[in-house]
Amino acid sequence: MVKGAGSHPTGSAVLSDISALTYDYKYAYKKLKKVLDGNPKIEEGIKQIEYDFSIKLYIRFQNREELKDVDILSIEEEYKLTHTNYIITNVKFNSLFNIFNKRDNKLFLCAI
C-alpha cells in the first residue's frame, strides 16, 4: 500500500489547483473543460470561472456543521459513522471559495 499525503494536504492541493483558474493560470483540467464546452454562455476571452457550475465531490467530514458554507445542490450518497462521515454530492463550484484557506475545518474534498 502506498501512503498518501493525507487529507489536509490533499484537500489543500485540490482547492489550490481549482483556485489557480481564477488567476487565468493555464491549467489542463479536463473535467472543467467538459462541463464548460456545452455552455453557450461562455465567450472567448472571458474568464471561465465567472460562470458558476455544479461539481460532483466526495466530501469527508466529522460534523455536519462543517458543511454550512458549501452550497449543496443534491446528495447522491451519504455514510455516517461515530467520528467520520462522507457524502457524494453536487455543489456549486463558487461556494468552495467560502471554505478555501480555513484551517479550522477538517473537510476533505475530492472531485469525482
C-alpha atoms as a PDB file:
ATOM      1  CA  MET A   1       0.000   0.000   0.000  1.00  0.00           C
ATOM      2  CA  VAL A   2       1.321   3.436  -0.938  1.00  0.00           C
ATOM      3  CA  LYS A   3       0.866   6.109   1.710  1.00  0.00           C
ATOM      4  CA  GLY A   4      -0.662   9.404   0.503  1.00  0.00           C
ATOM      5  CA  ALA A   5      -0.117  12.981   1.592  1.00  0.00           C
ATOM      6  CA  GLY A   6      -3.084  12.915   3.981  1.00  0.00           C
ATOM      7  CA  SER A   7      -6.474  14.561   3.913  1.00  0.00           C
ATOM      8  CA  HIS A   8      -5.489  18.168   4.646  1.00  0.00           C
ATOM      9  CA  PRO A   9      -2.531  18.419   2.230  1.00  0.00           C
ATOM     10  CA  THR A  10      -4.529  16.664  -0.489  1.00  0.00           C
ATOM     11  CA  GLY A  11      -7.629  18.817   0.026  1.00  0.00           C
ATOM     12  CA  SER A  12      -5.495  21.948   0.067  1.00  0.00           C
ATOM     13  CA  ALA A  13      -3.784  20.940  -3.192  1.00  0.00           C
ATOM     14  CA  VAL A  14      -7.122  20.300  -4.909  1.00  0.00           C
ATOM     15  CA  LEU A  15      -8.512  23.693  -3.885  1.00  0.00           C
ATOM     16  CA  SER A  16      -5.236  25.419  -4.827  1.00  0.00           C
ATOM     17  CA  ASP A  17      -5.398  23.922  -8.299  1.00  0.00           C
ATOM     18  CA  ILE A  18      -9.026  24.976  -8.705  1.00  0.00           C
ATOM     19  CA  SER A  19      -8.396  28.495  -7.421  1.00  0.00           C
ATOM     20  CA  ALA A  20      -5.499  28.860  -9.904  1.00  0.00           C
ATOM     21  CA  LEU A  21      -8.186  29.127 -12.568  1.00  0.00           C
ATOM     22  CA  THR A  22      -9.326  32.461 -11.108  1.00  0.00           C
ATOM     23  CA  TYR A  23      -5.933  33.964 -11.985  1.00  0.00           C
ATOM     24  CA  ASP A  24      -6.038  32.841 -15.623  1.00  0.00           C
ATOM     25  CA  TYR A  25      -3.471  30.178 -14.825  1.00  0.00           C
ATOM     26  CA  LYS A  26      -3.317  27.849 -17.810  1.00  0.00           C
ATOM     27  CA  TYR A  27      -4.157  24.541 -16.203  1.00  0.00           C
ATOM     28  CA  ALA A  28      -5.302  21.424 -18.009  1.00  0.00           C
ATOM     29  CA  TYR A  29      -8.408  20.430 -16.057  1.00  0.00           C
ATOM     30  CA  LYS A  30     -10.310  18.172 -18.436  1.00  0.00           C
ATOM     31  CA  LYS A  31     -13.446  17.823 -16.300  1.00  0.00           C
ATOM     32  CA  LEU A  32     -13.853  21.612 -16.129  1.00  0.00           C
ATOM     33  CA  LYS A  33     -13.438  21.883 -19.898  1.00  0.00           C
ATOM     34  CA  LYS A  34     -16.027  19.135 -20.405  1.00  0.00           C
ATOM     35  CA  VAL A  35     -18.552  20.976 -18.192  1.00  0.00           C
ATOM     36  CA  LEU A  36     -17.980  24.328 -19.880  1.00  0.00           C
ATOM     37  CA  ASP A  37     -17.826  23.142 -23.520  1.00  0.00           C
ATOM     38  CA  GLY A  38     -21.601  22.683 -23.698  1.00  0.00           C
ATOM     39  CA  ASN A  39     -22.342  26.037 -22.038  1.00  0.00           C
ATOM     40  CA  PRO A  40     -23.466  28.636 -24.622  1.00  0.00           C
ATOM     41  CA  LYS A  41     -22.818  31.498 -22.160  1.00  0.00           C
ATOM     42  CA  ILE A  42     -19.058  31.082 -22.398  1.00  0.00           C
ATOM     43  CA  GLU A  43     -17.496  33.608 -24.762  1.00  0.00           C
ATOM     44  CA  GLU A  44     -13.901  33.784 -25.978  1.00  0.00           C
ATOM     45  CA  GLY A  45     -11.571  35.783 -23.733  1.00  0.00           C
ATOM     46  CA  ILE A  46     -13.868  35.787 -20.667  1.00  0.00           C
ATOM     47  CA  LYS A  47     -12.696  34.077 -17.507  1.00  0.00           C
ATOM     48  CA  GLN A  48     -14.461  30.756 -17.296  1.00  0.00           C
ATOM     49  CA  ILE A  49     -14.549  30.855 -13.522  1.00  0.00           C
ATOM     50  CA  GLU A  50     -17.009  33.773 -13.572  1.00  0.00           C
ATOM     51  CA  TYR A  51     -19.713  31.281 -14.504  1.00  0.00           C
ATOM     52  CA  ASP A  52     -20.774  29.108 -11.604  1.00  0.00           C
ATOM     53  CA  PHE A  53     -21.394  25.442 -12.314  1.00  0.00           C
ATOM     54  CA  SER A  54     -22.106  22.220 -10.476  1.00  0.00           C
ATOM     55  CA  ILE A  55     -19.223  19.961  -9.500  1.00  0.00           C
ATOM     56  CA  LYS A  56     -19.501  16.428  -8.111  1.00  0.00           C
ATOM     57  CA  LEU A  57     -17.460  15.893  -4.936  1.00  0.00           C
ATOM     58  CA  TYR A  58     -16.654  13.307  -2.334  1.00  0.00           C
ATOM     59  CA  ILE A  59     -16.618  15.206   0.976  1.00  0.00           C
ATOM     60  CA  ARG A  60     -15.437  13.633   4.227  1.00  0.00           C
ATOM     61  CA  PHE A  61     -16.336  15.478   7.424  1.00  0.00           C
ATOM     62  CA  GLN A  62     -16.651  14.960  11.168  1.00  0.00           C
ATOM     63  CA  ASN A  63     -19.523  17.313  11.934  1.00  0.00           C
ATOM     64  CA  ARG A  64     -22.384  18.287   9.603  1.00  0.00           C
ATOM     65  CA  GLU A  65     -21.893  21.922  10.700  1.00  0.00           C
ATOM     66  CA  GLU A  66     -18.604  21.956   8.721  1.00  0.00           C
ATOM     67  CA  LEU A  67     -20.679  21.859   5.506  1.00  0.00           C
ATOM     68  CA  LYS A  68     -22.654  25.041   6.242  1.00  0.00           C
ATOM     69  CA  ASP A  69     -20.648  27.214   3.817  1.00  0.00           C
ATOM     70  CA  VAL A  70     -20.852  24.744   0.921  1.00  0.00           C
ATOM     71  CA  ASP A  71     -23.820  25.211  -1.414  1.00  0.00           C
ATOM     72  CA  ILE A  72     -25.030  21.609  -1.721  1.00  0.00           C
ATOM     73  CA  LEU A  73     -27.359  21.045  -4.675  1.00  0.00           C
ATOM     74  CA  SER A  74     -28.016  17.321  -4.193  1.00  0.00           C
ATOM     75  CA  ILE A  75     -26.657  14.349  -2.261  1.00  0.00           C
ATOM     76  CA  GLU A  76     -26.174  11.090  -4.168  1.00  0.00           C
ATOM     77  CA  GLU A  77     -24.749   9.018  -1.321  1.00  0.00           C
ATOM     78  CA  GLU A  78     -24.287   9.530   2.412  1.00  0.00           C
ATOM     79  CA  TYR A  79     -22.456   7.454   5.018  1.00  0.00           C
ATOM     80  CA  LYS A  80     -22.379   8.111   8.773  1.00  0.00           C
ATOM     81  CA  LEU A  81     -20.062   6.771  11.462  1.00  0.00           C
ATOM     82  CA  THR A  82     -19.378   7.941  15.007  1.00  0.00           C
ATOM     83  CA  HIS A  83     -16.295  10.031  14.219  1.00  0.00           C
ATOM     84  CA  THR A  84     -16.350  10.481  10.454  1.00  0.00           C
ATOM     85  CA  ASN A  85     -18.911  10.804   7.700  1.00  0.00           C
ATOM     86  CA  TYR A  86     -18.885  11.280   3.960  1.00  0.00           C
ATOM     87  CA  ILE A  87     -21.205  12.361   1.190  1.00  0.00           C
ATOM     88  CA  ILE A  88     -21.041  12.214  -2.562  1.00  0.00           C
ATOM     89  CA  THR A  89     -22.696  15.401  -3.639  1.00  0.00           C
ATOM     90  CA  ASN A  90     -23.135  18.030  -6.317  1.00  0.00           C
ATOM     91  CA  VAL A  91     -22.220  21.515  -5.134  1.00  0.00           C
ATOM     92  CA  LYS A  92     -21.942  24.962  -6.679  1.00  0.00           C
ATOM     93  CA  PHE A  93     -18.290  25.415  -7.557  1.00  0.00           C
ATOM     94  CA  ASN A  94     -18.041  29.021  -6.377  1.00  0.00           C
ATOM     95  CA  SER A  95     -19.196  28.039  -2.877  1.00  0.00           C
ATOM     96  CA  LEU A  96     -15.875  26.194  -2.444  1.00  0.00           C
ATOM     97  CA  PHE A  97     -14.199  29.578  -2.059  1.00  0.00           C
ATOM     98  CA  ASN A  98     -16.189  30.008   1.183  1.00  0.00           C
ATOM     99  CA  ILE A  99     -14.095  27.263   2.778  1.00  0.00           C
ATOM    100  CA  PHE A 100     -10.784  27.852   1.000  1.00  0.00           C
ATOM    101  CA  ASN A 101      -7.892  28.611   3.406  1.00  0.00           C
ATOM    102  CA  LYS A 102      -9.984  27.978   6.523  1.00  0.00           C
ATOM    103  CA  ARG A 103      -7.500  25.958   8.556  1.00  0.00           C
ATOM    104  CA  ASP A 104     -10.017  25.209  11.313  1.00  0.00           C
ATOM    105  CA  ASN A 105     -12.214  22.971   9.151  1.00  0.00           C
ATOM    106  CA  LYS A 106     -11.435  19.298   8.845  1.00  0.00           C
ATOM    107  CA  LEU A 107     -13.113  18.725   5.476  1.00  0.00           C
ATOM    108  CA  PHE A 108     -11.557  16.504   2.844  1.00  0.00           C
ATOM    109  CA  LEU A 109     -12.789  17.181  -0.687  1.00  0.00           C
ATOM    110  CA  CYS A 110     -12.138  15.254  -3.854  1.00  0.00           C
ATOM    111  CA  ALA A 111     -13.662  15.903  -7.295  1.00  0.00           C
ATOM    112  CA  ILE A 112     -15.185  12.811  -8.848  1.00  0.00           C
END
